[in-house]
Amino acid sequence: MHSFTFKDTIFDLGQMKTYVGDMARELGLENTGKALDCAVEAHEGQTRKKSDIPYIYHPLNLACHALAMGIEEDEIIAACLLHDVVEDCAKTLDDLPVDAETKEIVRLLTREKNTDENRSYMIKAYYGAIARNPKAALVKCLDRCNNMTTMAWGFGKEKIISYIKDTEEHYPELLEALEREPAYAKAAWLLRYQIESMLDIYKRLMTE
């Protein structure tokens, strides 16, 4: 009888990298192939919060998640891989070896620094802009799903509470944007299920 084995990561990093690279070649995803190399190089030496897990595990997980849901659009998979590169790796959009549409998705997903005074306005504007681009909304929801799976050990209690509040406030708009797009309706259903299920679990655990 097989049982679950609990470990730091669910999937093997090398296997995910190989899978994304193979899919890029098989499907002719030119941006994805270039984005994979760029993301691996840009995130070299970085790790996930409070862990020894290489940071590249996170964008690779997003790309594999999208592919597993049947999303095979080049700019979406490439943006999954590059979504944190400009924000976290001292890279600019011009440094990214991808086309203009992929760069625009990454631009929308890149948060600008804000102060306490303008934080509320900046966050609202940030999510509002993403909601107007269904492809960016898809990547952002994938990002939130993956971050929520690791926040139990990556975040402190106050950060988890803040993350729950942020998710409840802004992600319904992103999911609705996806649900209006027939091409992403199935993905939207799965993402809503995943996000709402994790919210329910965390909220119940936090109140016990």
N, C-alpha and C. Protein backbone atom coordinates (compact mmCIF):
# COMPACT_ATOMS: atom_id res chain seq x y z
N MET A 1 0.84 -1.19 0.00
CA MET A 1 0.00 0.00 0.00
C MET A 1 0.88 1.24 0.00
N HIS A 2 0.62 2.14 -0.94
CA HIS A 2 1.39 3.36 -1.03
C HIS A 2 0.84 4.41 -0.06
N SER A 3 1.72 5.26 0.43
CA SER A 3 1.30 6.35 1.32
C SER A 3 2.01 7.63 0.90
N PHE A 4 1.47 8.77 1.35
CA PHE A 4 2.09 10.04 1.06
C PHE A 4 3.39 10.16 1.85
N THR A 5 4.41 10.70 1.20
CA THR A 5 5.67 10.97 1.87
C THR A 5 5.82 12.48 1.99
N PHE A 6 5.91 12.99 3.19
CA PHE A 6 5.98 14.43 3.40
C PHE A 6 7.42 14.91 3.32
N LYS A 7 7.65 15.89 2.47
CA LYS A 7 8.98 16.43 2.27
C LYS A 7 8.86 17.92 1.95
N ASP A 8 10.00 18.58 1.82
CA ASP A 8 9.99 20.03 1.61
C ASP A 8 9.33 20.42 0.30
N THR A 9 9.52 19.63 -0.74
CA THR A 9 8.92 19.90 -2.04
C THR A 9 8.16 18.68 -2.53
N ILE A 10 7.07 18.93 -3.22
CA ILE A 10 6.24 17.84 -3.71
C ILE A 10 6.83 17.23 -4.98
N PHE A 11 7.31 18.11 -5.88
CA PHE A 11 7.82 17.66 -7.16
C PHE A 11 9.32 17.86 -7.25
N ASP A 12 9.97 17.06 -8.07
CA ASP A 12 11.41 17.14 -8.25
C ASP A 12 11.78 18.33 -9.14
N LEU A 13 12.71 19.15 -8.67
CA LEU A 13 13.10 20.36 -9.39
C LEU A 13 13.64 20.05 -10.79
N GLY A 14 14.54 19.07 -10.87
CA GLY A 14 15.11 18.72 -12.16
C GLY A 14 14.09 18.19 -13.14
N GLN A 15 13.15 17.41 -12.64
CA GLN A 15 12.11 16.87 -13.51
C GLN A 15 11.20 17.98 -14.04
N MET A 16 10.88 18.96 -13.19
CA MET A 16 10.05 20.07 -13.65
C MET A 16 10.76 20.87 -14.72
N LYS A 17 12.03 21.15 -14.50
CA LYS A 17 12.81 21.91 -15.49
C LYS A 17 12.86 21.18 -16.82
N THR A 18 13.11 19.87 -16.76
CA THR A 18 13.17 19.07 -17.98
C THR A 18 11.81 19.06 -18.68
N TYR A 19 10.75 18.91 -17.90
CA TYR A 19 9.40 18.85 -18.47
C TYR A 19 9.05 20.15 -19.19
N VAL A 20 9.31 21.29 -18.54
CA VAL A 20 8.99 22.58 -19.16
C VAL A 20 9.83 22.77 -20.43
N GLY A 21 11.10 22.41 -20.38
CA GLY A 21 11.95 22.54 -21.55
C GLY A 21 11.48 21.64 -22.69
N ASP A 22 11.11 20.42 -22.35
CA ASP A 22 10.62 19.48 -23.38
C ASP A 22 9.32 19.98 -24.00
N MET A 23 8.41 20.50 -23.16
CA MET A 23 7.14 21.01 -23.68
C MET A 23 7.35 22.23 -24.56
N ALA A 24 8.31 23.07 -24.19
CA ALA A 24 8.61 24.25 -25.00
C ALA A 24 9.06 23.82 -26.40
N ARG A 25 9.91 22.81 -26.47
CA ARG A 25 10.38 22.33 -27.77
C ARG A 25 9.27 21.62 -28.53
N GLU A 26 8.51 20.79 -27.84
CA GLU A 26 7.46 20.01 -28.50
C GLU A 26 6.35 20.90 -29.06
N LEU A 27 6.00 21.95 -28.32
CA LEU A 27 4.90 22.83 -28.73
C LEU A 27 5.37 24.06 -29.49
N GLY A 28 6.67 24.20 -29.65
CA GLY A 28 7.20 25.35 -30.37
C GLY A 28 7.03 26.65 -29.60
N LEU A 29 7.21 26.60 -28.29
CA LEU A 29 7.05 27.79 -27.44
C LEU A 29 8.39 28.50 -27.31
N GLU A 30 8.66 29.41 -28.24
CA GLU A 30 9.97 30.06 -28.29
C GLU A 30 10.23 30.94 -27.07
N ASN A 31 9.22 31.71 -26.67
CA ASN A 31 9.38 32.57 -25.50
C ASN A 31 9.65 31.75 -24.24
N THR A 32 8.95 30.63 -24.12
CA THR A 32 9.10 29.78 -22.94
C THR A 32 10.51 29.21 -22.84
N GLY A 33 11.05 28.75 -23.94
CA GLY A 33 12.40 28.21 -23.93
C GLY A 33 13.42 29.26 -23.49
N LYS A 34 13.28 30.48 -24.01
CA LYS A 34 14.19 31.55 -23.61
C LYS A 34 13.95 31.97 -22.17
N ALA A 35 12.68 32.01 -21.76
CA ALA A 35 12.33 32.41 -20.40
C ALA A 35 12.87 31.42 -19.38
N LEU A 36 12.87 30.15 -19.73
CA LEU A 36 13.37 29.12 -18.80
C LEU A 36 14.84 29.37 -18.48
N ASP A 37 15.64 29.58 -19.50
CA ASP A 37 17.06 29.84 -19.28
C ASP A 37 17.27 31.13 -18.50
N CYS A 38 16.50 32.16 -18.84
CA CYS A 38 16.63 33.45 -18.17
C CYS A 38 16.26 33.35 -16.70
N ALA A 39 15.17 32.67 -16.40
CA ALA A 39 14.70 32.56 -15.01
C ALA A 39 15.69 31.76 -14.16
N VAL A 40 16.20 30.66 -14.71
CA VAL A 40 17.17 29.85 -13.97
C VAL A 40 18.40 30.68 -13.63
N GLU A 41 18.88 31.46 -14.59
CA GLU A 41 20.07 32.29 -14.36
C GLU A 41 19.77 33.43 -13.38
N ALA A 42 18.62 34.07 -13.54
CA ALA A 42 18.29 35.24 -12.72
C ALA A 42 18.08 34.87 -11.25
N HIS A 43 17.48 33.72 -10.99
CA HIS A 43 17.17 33.30 -9.62
C HIS A 43 18.28 32.47 -8.98
N GLU A 44 19.40 32.31 -9.68
CA GLU A 44 20.51 31.52 -9.16
C GLU A 44 20.94 32.03 -7.77
N GLY A 45 21.00 31.12 -6.81
CA GLY A 45 21.42 31.48 -5.46
C GLY A 45 20.30 31.95 -4.54
N GLN A 46 19.12 32.20 -5.09
CA GLN A 46 17.99 32.63 -4.26
C GLN A 46 17.24 31.41 -3.73
N THR A 47 16.65 31.55 -2.55
CA THR A 47 15.86 30.47 -1.97
C THR A 47 14.50 31.00 -1.54
N ARG A 48 13.56 30.08 -1.37
CA ARG A 48 12.24 30.44 -0.85
C ARG A 48 12.36 30.84 0.61
N LYS A 49 11.43 31.66 1.08
CA LYS A 49 11.48 32.17 2.44
C LYS A 49 11.58 31.05 3.47
N LYS A 50 12.48 31.24 4.43
CA LYS A 50 12.65 30.32 5.56
C LYS A 50 12.88 28.87 5.12
N SER A 51 13.64 28.71 4.04
CA SER A 51 13.92 27.35 3.55
C SER A 51 15.21 27.34 2.76
N ASP A 52 15.61 26.13 2.39
CA ASP A 52 16.76 25.96 1.50
C ASP A 52 16.31 25.61 0.09
N ILE A 53 15.03 25.73 -0.18
CA ILE A 53 14.48 25.38 -1.49
C ILE A 53 14.89 26.44 -2.51
N PRO A 54 15.55 26.06 -3.60
CA PRO A 54 15.92 27.04 -4.63
C PRO A 54 14.69 27.81 -5.12
N TYR A 55 14.83 29.11 -5.29
CA TYR A 55 13.67 29.93 -5.65
C TYR A 55 13.06 29.52 -6.99
N ILE A 56 13.89 29.02 -7.89
CA ILE A 56 13.39 28.66 -9.22
C ILE A 56 12.29 27.60 -9.14
N TYR A 57 12.23 26.86 -8.03
CA TYR A 57 11.16 25.88 -7.84
C TYR A 57 9.79 26.55 -7.99
N HIS A 58 9.68 27.78 -7.50
CA HIS A 58 8.38 28.49 -7.52
C HIS A 58 7.91 28.80 -8.95
N PRO A 59 8.68 29.52 -9.77
CA PRO A 59 8.20 29.76 -11.14
C PRO A 59 8.03 28.49 -11.97
N LEU A 60 8.88 27.50 -11.73
CA LEU A 60 8.71 26.23 -12.45
C LEU A 60 7.40 25.57 -12.06
N ASN A 61 7.04 25.67 -10.78
CA ASN A 61 5.78 25.10 -10.32
C ASN A 61 4.60 25.77 -11.01
N LEU A 62 4.66 27.09 -11.17
CA LEU A 62 3.59 27.81 -11.86
C LEU A 62 3.47 27.34 -13.31
N ALA A 63 4.60 27.21 -13.98
CA ALA A 63 4.58 26.78 -15.38
C ALA A 63 4.01 25.39 -15.52
N CYS A 64 4.41 24.47 -14.64
CA CYS A 64 3.89 23.11 -14.68
C CYS A 64 2.41 23.07 -14.35
N HIS A 65 1.98 23.90 -13.40
CA HIS A 65 0.57 23.99 -13.02
C HIS A 65 -0.26 24.42 -14.23
N ALA A 66 0.21 25.45 -14.93
CA ALA A 66 -0.52 25.94 -16.11
C ALA A 66 -0.59 24.85 -17.18
N LEU A 67 0.53 24.21 -17.46
CA LEU A 67 0.54 23.16 -18.48
C LEU A 67 -0.38 22.00 -18.10
N ALA A 68 -0.41 21.66 -16.80
CA ALA A 68 -1.27 20.57 -16.34
C ALA A 68 -2.74 20.88 -16.51
N MET A 69 -3.10 22.17 -16.54
CA MET A 69 -4.48 22.57 -16.75
C MET A 69 -4.80 22.75 -18.23
N GLY A 70 -3.85 22.43 -19.09
CA GLY A 70 -4.09 22.53 -20.52
C GLY A 70 -3.79 23.89 -21.11
N ILE A 71 -3.16 24.76 -20.34
CA ILE A 71 -2.77 26.07 -20.86
C ILE A 71 -1.44 25.91 -21.58
N GLU A 72 -1.43 26.16 -22.89
CA GLU A 72 -0.22 25.96 -23.67
C GLU A 72 0.14 27.21 -24.47
N GLU A 73 -0.30 28.37 -24.02
CA GLU A 73 0.01 29.62 -24.70
C GLU A 73 1.41 30.09 -24.29
N ASP A 74 2.22 30.34 -25.26
CA ASP A 74 3.64 30.63 -25.06
C ASP A 74 3.85 31.77 -24.07
N GLU A 75 3.14 32.88 -24.27
CA GLU A 75 3.39 34.05 -23.43
C GLU A 75 2.97 33.81 -21.97
N ILE A 76 1.97 32.96 -21.75
CA ILE A 76 1.53 32.67 -20.38
C ILE A 76 2.57 31.81 -19.65
N ILE A 77 3.03 30.76 -20.29
CA ILE A 77 4.03 29.89 -19.65
C ILE A 77 5.32 30.67 -19.42
N ALA A 78 5.71 31.48 -20.40
CA ALA A 78 6.92 32.28 -20.25
C ALA A 78 6.77 33.28 -19.11
N ALA A 79 5.60 33.89 -18.99
CA ALA A 79 5.38 34.85 -17.91
C ALA A 79 5.37 34.17 -16.54
N CYS A 80 4.87 32.94 -16.49
CA CYS A 80 4.95 32.17 -15.24
C CYS A 80 6.40 32.06 -14.79
N LEU A 81 7.29 31.80 -15.72
CA LEU A 81 8.69 31.62 -15.40
C LEU A 81 9.38 32.93 -15.02
N LEU A 82 8.92 34.03 -15.60
CA LEU A 82 9.60 35.31 -15.43
C LEU A 82 8.90 36.27 -14.47
N HIS A 83 7.79 35.86 -13.85
CA HIS A 83 6.94 36.84 -13.16
C HIS A 83 7.62 37.57 -12.01
N ASP A 84 8.66 36.99 -11.41
CA ASP A 84 9.36 37.65 -10.30
C ASP A 84 10.73 38.19 -10.68
N VAL A 85 11.15 38.01 -11.90
CA VAL A 85 12.51 38.36 -12.29
C VAL A 85 12.78 39.86 -12.19
N VAL A 86 11.87 40.68 -12.69
CA VAL A 86 12.09 42.13 -12.65
C VAL A 86 12.00 42.64 -11.22
N GLU A 87 11.05 42.11 -10.46
CA GLU A 87 10.83 42.57 -9.09
C GLU A 87 11.95 42.13 -8.14
N ASP A 88 12.50 40.95 -8.33
CA ASP A 88 13.41 40.37 -7.34
C ASP A 88 14.85 40.18 -7.79
N CYS A 89 15.15 40.39 -9.05
CA CYS A 89 16.47 40.01 -9.56
C CYS A 89 17.26 41.14 -10.21
N ALA A 90 16.89 42.37 -9.96
CA ALA A 90 17.61 43.52 -10.52
C ALA A 90 17.67 43.47 -12.05
N LYS A 91 16.63 42.95 -12.64
CA LYS A 91 16.51 42.92 -14.10
C LYS A 91 15.47 43.96 -14.53
N THR A 92 15.58 44.41 -15.77
CA THR A 92 14.57 45.29 -16.34
C THR A 92 13.78 44.52 -17.38
N LEU A 93 12.66 45.09 -17.79
CA LEU A 93 11.88 44.45 -18.84
C LEU A 93 12.69 44.29 -20.11
N ASP A 94 13.55 45.28 -20.39
CA ASP A 94 14.36 45.20 -21.60
C ASP A 94 15.36 44.05 -21.55
N ASP A 95 15.69 43.59 -20.35
CA ASP A 95 16.62 42.47 -20.21
C ASP A 95 15.98 41.13 -20.56
N LEU A 96 14.66 41.07 -20.58
CA LEU A 96 13.98 39.80 -20.77
C LEU A 96 14.00 39.39 -22.25
N PRO A 97 14.39 38.16 -22.57
CA PRO A 97 14.56 37.72 -23.96
C PRO A 97 13.25 37.19 -24.56
N VAL A 98 12.17 37.94 -24.37
CA VAL A 98 10.84 37.48 -24.80
C VAL A 98 10.13 38.60 -25.57
N ASP A 99 8.97 38.27 -26.14
CA ASP A 99 8.28 39.25 -26.97
C ASP A 99 7.53 40.28 -26.12
N ALA A 100 6.95 41.25 -26.81
CA ALA A 100 6.32 42.39 -26.13
C ALA A 100 5.13 41.98 -25.28
N GLU A 101 4.34 41.00 -25.73
CA GLU A 101 3.17 40.59 -24.96
C GLU A 101 3.59 39.95 -23.64
N THR A 102 4.62 39.10 -23.69
CA THR A 102 5.10 38.49 -22.45
C THR A 102 5.66 39.54 -21.51
N LYS A 103 6.40 40.49 -22.03
CA LYS A 103 6.93 41.57 -21.20
C LYS A 103 5.82 42.37 -20.55
N GLU A 104 4.72 42.58 -21.27
CA GLU A 104 3.60 43.33 -20.71
C GLU A 104 2.97 42.58 -19.54
N ILE A 105 2.84 41.26 -19.67
CA ILE A 105 2.30 40.47 -18.55
C ILE A 105 3.22 40.60 -17.34
N VAL A 106 4.53 40.47 -17.56
CA VAL A 106 5.49 40.60 -16.46
C VAL A 106 5.42 42.00 -15.85
N ARG A 107 5.29 43.00 -16.69
CA ARG A 107 5.19 44.37 -16.18
C ARG A 107 3.99 44.52 -15.26
N LEU A 108 2.85 43.99 -15.66
CA LEU A 108 1.65 44.09 -14.84
C LEU A 108 1.82 43.36 -13.51
N LEU A 109 2.56 42.27 -13.51
CA LEU A 109 2.73 41.46 -12.31
C LEU A 109 3.81 42.00 -11.37
N THR A 110 4.59 42.96 -11.84
CA THR A 110 5.68 43.52 -11.04
C THR A 110 5.15 44.65 -10.17
N ARG A 111 5.27 44.48 -8.87
CA ARG A 111 4.78 45.50 -7.93
C ARG A 111 5.79 46.64 -7.80
N GLU A 112 5.26 47.86 -7.81
CA GLU A 112 6.09 49.02 -7.51
C GLU A 112 6.15 49.21 -6.01
N LYS A 113 7.26 49.75 -5.54
CA LYS A 113 7.38 50.02 -4.11
C LYS A 113 6.41 51.11 -3.72
N ASN A 114 5.83 50.97 -2.52
CA ASN A 114 4.89 51.98 -2.07
C ASN A 114 5.19 52.37 -0.63
N THR A 115 4.62 53.46 -0.22
CA THR A 115 4.76 53.94 1.15
C THR A 115 3.48 53.64 1.91
N ASP A 116 3.50 53.85 3.22
CA ASP A 116 2.30 53.63 4.01
C ASP A 116 1.17 54.54 3.57
N GLU A 117 1.55 55.74 3.09
CA GLU A 117 0.53 56.73 2.70
C GLU A 117 -0.20 56.34 1.43
N ASN A 118 0.51 55.76 0.46
CA ASN A 118 -0.14 55.45 -0.82
C ASN A 118 -0.37 53.96 -1.03
N ARG A 119 -0.14 53.15 0.01
CA ARG A 119 -0.20 51.71 -0.14
C ARG A 119 -1.55 51.23 -0.64
N SER A 120 -2.63 51.69 -0.03
CA SER A 120 -3.96 51.23 -0.41
C SER A 120 -4.27 51.56 -1.87
N TYR A 121 -3.93 52.78 -2.29
CA TYR A 121 -4.18 53.19 -3.67
C TYR A 121 -3.35 52.35 -4.64
N MET A 122 -2.07 52.15 -4.32
CA MET A 122 -1.18 51.41 -5.21
C MET A 122 -1.61 49.96 -5.37
N ILE A 123 -2.02 49.34 -4.28
CA ILE A 123 -2.45 47.94 -4.35
C ILE A 123 -3.72 47.80 -5.18
N LYS A 124 -4.66 48.70 -4.96
CA LYS A 124 -5.91 48.68 -5.73
C LYS A 124 -5.63 48.87 -7.22
N ALA A 125 -4.75 49.80 -7.54
CA ALA A 125 -4.40 50.05 -8.94
C ALA A 125 -3.67 48.84 -9.54
N TYR A 126 -2.82 48.21 -8.74
CA TYR A 126 -2.05 47.04 -9.19
C TYR A 126 -2.99 45.91 -9.59
N TYR A 127 -3.90 45.53 -8.71
CA TYR A 127 -4.82 44.44 -9.01
C TYR A 127 -5.82 44.82 -10.11
N GLY A 128 -6.23 46.08 -10.14
CA GLY A 128 -7.16 46.53 -11.17
C GLY A 128 -6.57 46.39 -12.56
N ALA A 129 -5.29 46.73 -12.70
CA ALA A 129 -4.62 46.61 -14.00
C ALA A 129 -4.49 45.15 -14.41
N ILE A 130 -4.18 44.28 -13.46
CA ILE A 130 -4.07 42.85 -13.76
C ILE A 130 -5.42 42.28 -14.20
N ALA A 131 -6.47 42.69 -13.54
CA ALA A 131 -7.82 42.18 -13.86
C ALA A 131 -8.23 42.52 -15.28
N ARG A 132 -7.66 43.58 -15.85
CA ARG A 132 -8.01 43.97 -17.22
C ARG A 132 -7.23 43.17 -18.27
N ASN A 133 -6.32 42.31 -17.83
CA ASN A 133 -5.56 41.47 -18.73
C ASN A 133 -5.72 40.01 -18.26
N PRO A 134 -6.61 39.25 -18.88
CA PRO A 134 -6.89 37.89 -18.41
C PRO A 134 -5.66 37.00 -18.31
N LYS A 135 -4.70 37.18 -19.19
CA LYS A 135 -3.49 36.34 -19.12
C LYS A 135 -2.67 36.67 -17.89
N ALA A 136 -2.57 37.94 -17.57
CA ALA A 136 -1.88 38.34 -16.35
C ALA A 136 -2.65 37.85 -15.13
N ALA A 137 -3.98 37.92 -15.18
CA ALA A 137 -4.81 37.45 -14.06
C ALA A 137 -4.61 35.96 -13.84
N LEU A 138 -4.47 35.20 -14.92
CA LEU A 138 -4.24 33.76 -14.81
C LEU A 138 -2.92 33.47 -14.10
N VAL A 139 -1.86 34.14 -14.52
CA VAL A 139 -0.55 33.92 -13.90
C VAL A 139 -0.58 34.35 -12.44
N LYS A 140 -1.26 35.46 -12.15
CA LYS A 140 -1.32 35.94 -10.76
C LYS A 140 -2.06 34.96 -9.87
N CYS A 141 -3.13 34.35 -10.37
CA CYS A 141 -3.87 33.37 -9.58
C CYS A 141 -3.04 32.10 -9.37
N LEU A 142 -2.29 31.69 -10.38
CA LEU A 142 -1.38 30.56 -10.22
C LEU A 142 -0.33 30.87 -9.15
N ASP A 143 0.17 32.08 -9.18
CA ASP A 143 1.16 32.54 -8.21
C ASP A 143 0.60 32.48 -6.79
N ARG A 144 -0.63 32.96 -6.62
CA ARG A 144 -1.24 32.96 -5.30
C ARG A 144 -1.48 31.52 -4.80
N CYS A 145 -1.92 30.64 -5.69
CA CYS A 145 -2.11 29.24 -5.31
C CYS A 145 -0.82 28.65 -4.76
N ASN A 146 0.27 28.86 -5.48
CA ASN A 146 1.53 28.27 -5.05
C ASN A 146 2.04 28.90 -3.77
N ASN A 147 1.90 30.20 -3.63
CA ASN A 147 2.35 30.87 -2.40
C ASN A 147 1.52 30.42 -1.19
N MET A 148 0.24 30.18 -1.40
CA MET A 148 -0.59 29.75 -0.28
C MET A 148 -0.24 28.34 0.18
N THR A 149 0.28 27.52 -0.71
CA THR A 149 0.65 26.16 -0.30
C THR A 149 1.88 26.16 0.59
N THR A 150 2.66 27.23 0.55
CA THR A 150 3.89 27.28 1.35
C THR A 150 3.83 28.28 2.50
N MET A 151 2.75 29.03 2.65
CA MET A 151 2.77 30.09 3.65
C MET A 151 2.71 29.56 5.08
N ALA A 152 2.31 28.30 5.27
CA ALA A 152 2.26 27.74 6.62
C ALA A 152 3.64 27.74 7.27
N TRP A 153 4.69 27.51 6.46
CA TRP A 153 6.05 27.53 7.02
C TRP A 153 6.85 28.74 6.57
N GLY A 154 6.38 29.45 5.56
CA GLY A 154 7.12 30.61 5.04
C GLY A 154 6.73 31.92 5.69
N PHE A 155 5.52 31.98 6.29
CA PHE A 155 5.01 33.22 6.87
C PHE A 155 4.78 33.07 8.36
N GLY A 156 4.88 34.18 9.08
CA GLY A 156 4.45 34.22 10.47
C GLY A 156 2.94 34.40 10.52
N LYS A 157 2.36 34.33 11.74
CA LYS A 157 0.91 34.40 11.89
C LYS A 157 0.33 35.70 11.35
N GLU A 158 0.96 36.83 11.65
CA GLU A 158 0.44 38.12 11.18
C GLU A 158 0.46 38.21 9.66
N LYS A 159 1.53 37.69 9.04
CA LYS A 159 1.63 37.70 7.59
C LYS A 159 0.56 36.81 6.97
N ILE A 160 0.29 35.66 7.58
CA ILE A 160 -0.75 34.77 7.06
C ILE A 160 -2.11 35.46 7.10
N ILE A 161 -2.40 36.12 8.22
CA ILE A 161 -3.68 36.84 8.35
C ILE A 161 -3.79 37.92 7.28
N SER A 162 -2.69 38.67 7.06
CA SER A 162 -2.68 39.71 6.04
C SER A 162 -2.86 39.12 4.64
N TYR A 163 -2.25 37.97 4.39
CA TYR A 163 -2.33 37.31 3.09
C TYR A 163 -3.74 36.82 2.82
N ILE A 164 -4.40 36.30 3.85
CA ILE A 164 -5.79 35.86 3.72
C ILE A 164 -6.68 37.05 3.36
N LYS A 165 -6.49 38.16 4.07
CA LYS A 165 -7.29 39.35 3.82
C LYS A 165 -7.07 39.87 2.40
N ASP A 166 -5.83 39.91 1.97
CA ASP A 166 -5.50 40.37 0.63
C ASP A 166 -6.14 39.47 -0.42
N THR A 167 -6.10 38.17 -0.20
CA THR A 167 -6.68 37.21 -1.15
C THR A 167 -8.19 37.39 -1.25
N GLU A 168 -8.84 37.52 -0.11
CA GLU A 168 -10.30 37.68 -0.11
C GLU A 168 -10.73 38.99 -0.76
N GLU A 169 -9.89 40.00 -0.63
CA GLU A 169 -10.26 41.32 -1.15
C GLU A 169 -10.05 41.45 -2.65
N HIS A 170 -8.97 40.87 -3.17
CA HIS A 170 -8.59 41.16 -4.55
C HIS A 170 -8.75 40.01 -5.54
N TYR A 171 -8.71 38.77 -5.09
CA TYR A 171 -8.71 37.67 -6.04
C TYR A 171 -10.06 37.31 -6.64
N PRO A 172 -11.19 37.61 -5.99
CA PRO A 172 -12.46 37.39 -6.68
C PRO A 172 -12.53 38.15 -8.00
N GLU A 173 -12.00 39.37 -8.04
CA GLU A 173 -12.00 40.16 -9.28
C GLU A 173 -11.16 39.49 -10.36
N LEU A 174 -10.02 38.93 -9.98
CA LEU A 174 -9.17 38.27 -10.96
C LEU A 174 -9.83 36.99 -11.48
N LEU A 175 -10.44 36.23 -10.60
CA LEU A 175 -11.11 35.00 -11.01
C LEU A 175 -12.30 35.30 -11.92
N GLU A 176 -13.04 36.35 -11.61
CA GLU A 176 -14.16 36.74 -12.47
C GLU A 176 -13.68 37.15 -13.85
N ALA A 177 -12.52 37.80 -13.93
CA ALA A 177 -11.95 38.18 -15.22
C ALA A 177 -11.63 36.92 -16.04
N LEU A 178 -11.14 35.89 -15.38
CA LEU A 178 -10.85 34.62 -16.07
C LEU A 178 -12.12 33.92 -16.50
N GLU A 179 -13.12 33.94 -15.64
CA GLU A 179 -14.38 33.24 -15.92
C GLU A 179 -15.11 33.84 -17.11
N ARG A 180 -14.84 35.09 -17.41
CA ARG A 180 -15.47 35.74 -18.58
C ARG A 180 -14.80 35.35 -19.88
N GLU A 181 -13.63 34.72 -19.79
CA GLU A 181 -12.90 34.31 -20.99
C GLU A 181 -13.12 32.82 -21.23
N PRO A 182 -13.84 32.44 -22.28
CA PRO A 182 -14.12 31.02 -22.52
C PRO A 182 -12.87 30.15 -22.54
N ALA A 183 -11.76 30.67 -23.05
CA ALA A 183 -10.54 29.88 -23.15
C ALA A 183 -9.97 29.52 -21.78
N TYR A 184 -10.32 30.30 -20.76
CA TYR A 184 -9.75 30.08 -19.43
C TYR A 184 -10.80 29.66 -18.40
N ALA A 185 -12.00 29.32 -18.85
CA ALA A 185 -13.09 29.00 -17.93
C ALA A 185 -12.78 27.77 -17.08
N LYS A 186 -12.22 26.72 -17.69
CA LYS A 186 -11.89 25.52 -16.92
C LYS A 186 -10.78 25.79 -15.91
N ALA A 187 -9.78 26.53 -16.35
CA ALA A 187 -8.68 26.89 -15.44
C ALA A 187 -9.22 27.74 -14.29
N ALA A 188 -10.14 28.65 -14.59
CA ALA A 188 -10.71 29.51 -13.56
C ALA A 188 -11.45 28.69 -12.51
N TRP A 189 -12.17 27.66 -12.96
CA TRP A 189 -12.91 26.81 -12.00
C TRP A 189 -11.94 26.12 -11.05
N LEU A 190 -10.87 25.56 -11.60
CA LEU A 190 -9.89 24.88 -10.77
C LEU A 190 -9.18 25.83 -9.82
N LEU A 191 -8.83 27.00 -10.32
CA LEU A 191 -8.13 27.98 -9.48
C LEU A 191 -9.02 28.50 -8.36
N ARG A 192 -10.28 28.74 -8.68
CA ARG A 192 -11.20 29.17 -7.63
C ARG A 192 -11.34 28.09 -6.56
N TYR A 193 -11.46 26.86 -7.00
CA TYR A 193 -11.56 25.75 -6.04
C TYR A 193 -10.33 25.69 -5.14
N GLN A 194 -9.17 25.79 -5.74
CA GLN A 194 -7.93 25.70 -4.98
C GLN A 194 -7.78 26.86 -4.00
N ILE A 195 -8.02 28.06 -4.47
CA ILE A 195 -7.84 29.23 -3.61
C ILE A 195 -8.86 29.24 -2.48
N GLU A 196 -10.13 29.00 -2.80
CA GLU A 196 -11.16 29.04 -1.75
C GLU A 196 -10.99 27.89 -0.76
N SER A 197 -10.55 26.73 -1.23
CA SER A 197 -10.32 25.59 -0.33
C SER A 197 -9.21 25.91 0.66
N MET A 198 -8.11 26.47 0.16
CA MET A 198 -7.00 26.80 1.04
C MET A 198 -7.36 27.91 2.01
N LEU A 199 -8.13 28.88 1.55
CA LEU A 199 -8.59 29.94 2.45
C LEU A 199 -9.42 29.35 3.58
N ASP A 200 -10.32 28.46 3.24
CA ASP A 200 -11.18 27.84 4.25
C ASP A 200 -10.35 27.07 5.28
N ILE A 201 -9.38 26.31 4.81
CA ILE A 201 -8.54 25.53 5.73
C ILE A 201 -7.75 26.44 6.66
N TYR A 202 -7.09 27.45 6.09
CA TYR A 202 -6.27 28.34 6.91
C TYR A 202 -7.12 29.11 7.92
N LYS A 203 -8.28 29.59 7.49
CA LYS A 203 -9.12 30.37 8.39
C LYS A 203 -9.62 29.52 9.55
N ARG A 204 -9.96 28.29 9.26
CA ARG A 204 -10.43 27.40 10.33
C ARG A 204 -9.30 27.08 11.30
N LEU A 205 -8.12 26.82 10.79
CA LEU A 205 -6.98 26.51 11.64
C LEU A 205 -6.55 27.71 12.48
N MET A 206 -6.66 28.90 11.88
CA MET A 206 -6.24 30.10 12.61
C MET A 206 -7.17 30.47 13.75
N THR A 207 -8.41 29.98 13.68
CA THR A 207 -9.38 30.33 14.73
C THR A 207 -9.51 29.26 15.81
N GLU A 208 -8.82 28.14 15.61
CA GLU A 208 -8.90 27.05 16.61
C GLU A 208 -8.06 27.39 17.85
